[in-house]
Structure formats: structure tokens, C-alpha cells
Amino acid sequence: MMGTVSVRVGAWRWGLGIAAVLALGAAIGLWARHGAAVFFEMLAAGLAYCF
């Protein structure tokens, strides 16, 4: 029974890790393509929309 729980927790950690790497890669890609000023403006607009 404990082995199944451990596998589920491990799968969630892998999933979250992959999602974090993809988000970081997207941020670096936007920075490289649009430059720092546009990147920060897009980030600020996104945060303003959320809050």
C-alpha cells in the first residue's frame, strides 16, 4: 500500500518539476525574443490582470 502512495507522490513531483522547467524556458524564450523591456511589461500586465 505504501509503495503506491510513494509512486503517486513521485509522479506529482516529476510533473511539477517539468512544469517549472517549461515555465522557466518560456520566460527565457520571451526574454531572448522580445528583450528585457517588453518582457517586463508583459510580466507586469499579466500580474496586474491577476490581481
PDB file of N, CA and C in Angstrom:
ATOM      1  N   MET A   1       0.819  -1.194   0.000  1.00  0.00           N
ATOM      2  CA  MET A   1       0.000   0.000   0.000  1.00  0.00           C
ATOM      3  C   MET A   1       0.867   1.264   0.000  1.00  0.00           C
ATOM      4  N   MET A   2       1.911   1.288   0.779  1.00  0.00           N
ATOM      5  CA  MET A   2       2.766   2.471   0.842  1.00  0.00           C
ATOM      6  C   MET A   2       3.521   2.691  -0.463  1.00  0.00           C
ATOM      7  N   GLY A   3       3.815   1.632  -1.188  1.00  0.00           N
ATOM      8  CA  GLY A   3       4.521   1.763  -2.458  1.00  0.00           C
ATOM      9  C   GLY A   3       3.707   2.549  -3.471  1.00  0.00           C
ATOM     10  N   THR A   4       2.401   2.347  -3.489  1.00  0.00           N
ATOM     11  CA  THR A   4       1.530   3.067  -4.418  1.00  0.00           C
ATOM     12  C   THR A   4       1.492   4.549  -4.097  1.00  0.00           C
ATOM     13  N   VAL A   5       1.418   4.893  -2.831  1.00  0.00           N
ATOM     14  CA  VAL A   5       1.415   6.298  -2.421  1.00  0.00           C
ATOM     15  C   VAL A   5       2.733   6.947  -2.797  1.00  0.00           C
ATOM     16  N   SER A   6       3.820   6.251  -2.603  1.00  0.00           N
ATOM     17  CA  SER A   6       5.135   6.792  -2.934  1.00  0.00           C
ATOM     18  C   SER A   6       5.260   7.063  -4.429  1.00  0.00           C
ATOM     19  N   VAL A   7       4.721   6.181  -5.248  1.00  0.00           N
ATOM     20  CA  VAL A   7       4.774   6.374  -6.704  1.00  0.00           C
ATOM     21  C   VAL A   7       3.940   7.585  -7.103  1.00  0.00           C
ATOM     22  N   ARG A   8       2.785   7.761  -6.482  1.00  0.00           N
ATOM     23  CA  ARG A   8       1.930   8.914  -6.799  1.00  0.00           C
ATOM     24  C   ARG A   8       2.613  10.214  -6.425  1.00  0.00           C
ATOM     25  N   VAL A   9       3.228  10.261  -5.264  1.00  0.00           N
ATOM     26  CA  VAL A   9       3.930  11.471  -4.833  1.00  0.00           C
ATOM     27  C   VAL A   9       5.098  11.745  -5.770  1.00  0.00           C
ATOM     28  N   GLY A  10       5.814  10.704  -6.159  1.00  0.00           N
ATOM     29  CA  GLY A  10       6.928  10.866  -7.085  1.00  0.00           C
ATOM     30  C   GLY A  10       6.462  11.395  -8.435  1.00  0.00           C
ATOM     31  N   ALA A  11       5.314  10.911  -8.907  1.00  0.00           N
ATOM     32  CA  ALA A  11       4.773  11.376 -10.183  1.00  0.00           C
ATOM     33  C   ALA A  11       4.388  12.850 -10.104  1.00  0.00           C
ATOM     34  N   TRP A  12       3.807  13.262  -8.988  1.00  0.00           N
ATOM     35  CA  TRP A  12       3.450  14.674  -8.816  1.00  0.00           C
ATOM     36  C   TRP A  12       4.693  15.548  -8.791  1.00  0.00           C
ATOM     37  N   ARG A  13       5.725  15.089  -8.125  1.00  0.00           N
ATOM     38  CA  ARG A  13       6.968  15.874  -8.075  1.00  0.00           C
ATOM     39  C   ARG A  13       7.580  16.004  -9.456  1.00  0.00           C
ATOM     40  N   TRP A  14       7.599  14.912 -10.215  1.00  0.00           N
ATOM     41  CA  TRP A  14       8.129  14.969 -11.578  1.00  0.00           C
ATOM     42  C   TRP A  14       7.292  15.921 -12.429  1.00  0.00           C
ATOM     43  N   GLY A  15       5.992  15.837 -12.293  1.00  0.00           N
ATOM     44  CA  GLY A  15       5.104  16.716 -13.066  1.00  0.00           C
ATOM     45  C   GLY A  15       5.314  18.185 -12.738  1.00  0.00           C
ATOM     46  N   LEU A  16       5.424  18.484 -11.447  1.00  0.00           N
ATOM     47  CA  LEU A  16       5.665  19.868 -11.040  1.00  0.00           C
ATOM     48  C   LEU A  16       7.044  20.350 -11.481  1.00  0.00           C
ATOM     49  N   GLY A  17       8.014  19.470 -11.421  1.00  0.00           N
ATOM     50  CA  GLY A  17       9.357  19.825 -11.871  1.00  0.00           C
ATOM     51  C   GLY A  17       9.390  20.127 -13.363  1.00  0.00           C
ATOM     52  N   ILE A  18       8.718  19.306 -14.146  1.00  0.00           N
ATOM     53  CA  ILE A  18       8.664  19.536 -15.597  1.00  0.00           C
ATOM     54  C   ILE A  18       7.917  20.828 -15.903  1.00  0.00           C
ATOM     55  N   ALA A  19       6.827  21.093 -15.192  1.00  0.00           N
ATOM     56  CA  ALA A  19       6.078  22.335 -15.397  1.00  0.00           C
ATOM     57  C   ALA A  19       6.934  23.548 -15.062  1.00  0.00           C
ATOM     58  N   ALA A  20       7.717  23.468 -13.996  1.00  0.00           N
ATOM     59  CA  ALA A  20       8.587  24.581 -13.619  1.00  0.00           C
ATOM     60  C   ALA A  20       9.665  24.815 -14.670  1.00  0.00           C
ATOM     61  N   VAL A  21      10.238  23.744 -15.191  1.00  0.00           N
ATOM     62  CA  VAL A  21      11.264  23.878 -16.230  1.00  0.00           C
ATOM     63  C   VAL A  21      10.662  24.479 -17.495  1.00  0.00           C
ATOM     64  N   LEU A  22       9.452  24.063 -17.867  1.00  0.00           N
ATOM     65  CA  LEU A  22       8.794  24.621 -19.047  1.00  0.00           C
ATOM     66  C   LEU A  22       8.477  26.103 -18.860  1.00  0.00           C
ATOM     67  N   ALA A  23       8.010  26.493 -17.675  1.00  0.00           N
ATOM     68  CA  ALA A  23       7.721  27.903 -17.411  1.00  0.00           C
ATOM     69  C   ALA A  23       9.002  28.736 -17.463  1.00  0.00           C
ATOM     70  N   LEU A  24      10.073  28.213 -16.901  1.00  0.00           N
ATOM     71  CA  LEU A  24      11.350  28.928 -16.944  1.00  0.00           C
ATOM     72  C   LEU A  24      11.851  29.040 -18.380  1.00  0.00           C
ATOM     73  N   GLY A  25      11.719  27.978 -19.146  1.00  0.00           N
ATOM     74  CA  GLY A  25      12.120  28.012 -20.546  1.00  0.00           C
ATOM     75  C   GLY A  25      11.309  29.016 -21.346  1.00  0.00           C
ATOM     76  N   ALA A  26      10.005  29.100 -21.081  1.00  0.00           N
ATOM     77  CA  ALA A  26       9.161  30.079 -21.768  1.00  0.00           C
ATOM     78  C   ALA A  26       9.576  31.501 -21.411  1.00  0.00           C
ATOM     79  N   ALA A  27       9.888  31.735 -20.137  1.00  0.00           N
ATOM     80  CA  ALA A  27      10.324  33.066 -19.711  1.00  0.00           C
ATOM     81  C   ALA A  27      11.635  33.454 -20.385  1.00  0.00           C
ATOM     82  N   ILE A  28      12.571  32.530 -20.445  1.00  0.00           N
ATOM     83  CA  ILE A  28      13.856  32.817 -21.092  1.00  0.00           C
ATOM     84  C   ILE A  28      13.650  33.042 -22.593  1.00  0.00           C
ATOM     85  N   GLY A  29      12.774  32.265 -23.198  1.00  0.00           N
ATOM     86  CA  GLY A  29      12.483  32.437 -24.619  1.00  0.00           C
ATOM     87  C   GLY A  29      11.866  33.792 -24.917  1.00  0.00           C
ATOM     88  N   LEU A  30      10.918  34.214 -24.091  1.00  0.00           N
ATOM     89  CA  LEU A  30      10.317  35.538 -24.287  1.00  0.00           C
ATOM     90  C   LEU A  30      11.350  36.635 -24.115  1.00  0.00           C
ATOM     91  N   TRP A  31      12.209  36.489 -23.122  1.00  0.00           N
ATOM     92  CA  TRP A  31      13.250  37.478 -22.878  1.00  0.00           C
ATOM     93  C   TRP A  31      14.185  37.559 -24.085  1.00  0.00           C
ATOM     94  N   ALA A  32      14.582  36.425 -24.616  1.00  0.00           N
ATOM     95  CA  ALA A  32      15.510  36.402 -25.752  1.00  0.00           C
ATOM     96  C   ALA A  32      14.854  36.979 -27.005  1.00  0.00           C
ATOM     97  N   ARG A  33      13.588  36.710 -27.196  1.00  0.00           N
ATOM     98  CA  ARG A  33      12.921  37.157 -28.422  1.00  0.00           C
ATOM     99  C   ARG A  33      12.528  38.626 -28.379  1.00  0.00           C
ATOM    100  N   HIS A  34      12.010  39.088 -27.244  1.00  0.00           N
ATOM    101  CA  HIS A  34      11.432  40.429 -27.175  1.00  0.00           C
ATOM    102  C   HIS A  34      12.290  41.438 -26.426  1.00  0.00           C
ATOM    103  N   GLY A  35      13.293  40.999 -25.735  1.00  0.00           N
ATOM    104  CA  GLY A  35      14.120  41.919 -24.971  1.00  0.00           C
ATOM    105  C   GLY A  35      13.564  42.137 -23.574  1.00  0.00           C
ATOM    106  N   ALA A  36      14.376  42.721 -22.755  1.00  0.00           N
ATOM    107  CA  ALA A  36      14.026  42.873 -21.343  1.00  0.00           C
ATOM    108  C   ALA A  36      12.848  43.819 -21.137  1.00  0.00           C
ATOM    109  N   ALA A  37      12.808  44.936 -21.835  1.00  0.00           N
ATOM    110  CA  ALA A  37      11.748  45.921 -21.600  1.00  0.00           C
ATOM    111  C   ALA A  37      10.374  45.336 -21.919  1.00  0.00           C
ATOM    112  N   VAL A  38      10.239  44.702 -23.065  1.00  0.00           N
ATOM    113  CA  VAL A  38       8.957  44.124 -23.447  1.00  0.00           C
ATOM    114  C   VAL A  38       8.606  42.970 -22.515  1.00  0.00           C
ATOM    115  N   PHE A  39       9.596  42.178 -22.155  1.00  0.00           N
ATOM    116  CA  PHE A  39       9.347  41.056 -21.255  1.00  0.00           C
ATOM    117  C   PHE A  39       8.786  41.550 -19.924  1.00  0.00           C
ATOM    118  N   PHE A  40       9.407  42.583 -19.338  1.00  0.00           N
ATOM    119  CA  PHE A  40       8.939  43.086 -18.052  1.00  0.00           C
ATOM    120  C   PHE A  40       7.565  43.741 -18.174  1.00  0.00           C
ATOM    121  N   GLU A  41       7.287  44.397 -19.299  1.00  0.00           N
ATOM    122  CA  GLU A  41       5.963  44.990 -19.494  1.00  0.00           C
ATOM    123  C   GLU A  41       4.891  43.905 -19.581  1.00  0.00           C
ATOM    124  N   MET A  42       5.203  42.817 -20.291  1.00  0.00           N
ATOM    125  CA  MET A  42       4.252  41.709 -20.385  1.00  0.00           C
ATOM    126  C   MET A  42       4.044  41.057 -19.024  1.00  0.00           C
ATOM    127  N   LEU A  43       5.108  40.909 -18.266  1.00  0.00           N
ATOM    128  CA  LEU A  43       5.014  40.331 -16.928  1.00  0.00           C
ATOM    129  C   LEU A  43       4.168  41.215 -16.013  1.00  0.00           C
ATOM    130  N   ALA A  44       4.414  42.529 -16.065  1.00  0.00           N
ATOM    131  CA  ALA A  44       3.645  43.462 -15.238  1.00  0.00           C
ATOM    132  C   ALA A  44       2.169  43.454 -15.627  1.00  0.00           C
ATOM    133  N   ALA A  45       1.884  43.391 -16.924  1.00  0.00           N
ATOM    134  CA  ALA A  45       0.489  43.357 -17.374  1.00  0.00           C
ATOM    135  C   ALA A  45      -0.200  42.077 -16.909  1.00  0.00           C
ATOM    136  N   GLY A  46       0.517  40.968 -16.978  1.00  0.00           N
ATOM    137  CA  GLY A  46      -0.052  39.699 -16.509  1.00  0.00           C
ATOM    138  C   GLY A  46      -0.338  39.713 -15.029  1.00  0.00           C
ATOM    139  N   LEU A  47       0.588  40.253 -14.250  1.00  0.00           N
ATOM    140  CA  LEU A  47       0.365  40.332 -12.800  1.00  0.00           C
ATOM    141  C   LEU A  47      -0.780  41.300 -12.471  1.00  0.00           C
ATOM    142  N   ALA A  48      -0.859  42.415 -13.192  1.00  0.00           N
ATOM    143  CA  ALA A  48      -1.945  43.373 -12.961  1.00  0.00           C
ATOM    144  C   ALA A  48      -3.298  42.732 -13.287  1.00  0.00           C
ATOM    145  N   TYR A  49      -3.329  41.900 -14.323  1.00  0.00           N
ATOM    146  CA  TYR A  49      -4.572  41.231 -14.687  1.00  0.00           C
ATOM    147  C   TYR A  49      -5.001  40.250 -13.596  1.00  0.00           C
ATOM    148  N   CYS A  50      -4.023  39.560 -13.006  1.00  0.00           N
ATOM    149  CA  CYS A  50      -4.341  38.581 -11.961  1.00  0.00           C
ATOM    150  C   CYS A  50      -4.807  39.223 -10.668  1.00  0.00           C
ATOM    151  N   PHE A  51      -4.231  40.359 -10.339  1.00  0.00           N
ATOM    152  CA  PHE A  51      -4.542  40.984  -9.064  1.00  0.00           C
ATOM    153  C   PHE A  51      -5.274  42.268  -9.291  1.00  0.00           C
TER     154      PHE A  51
END
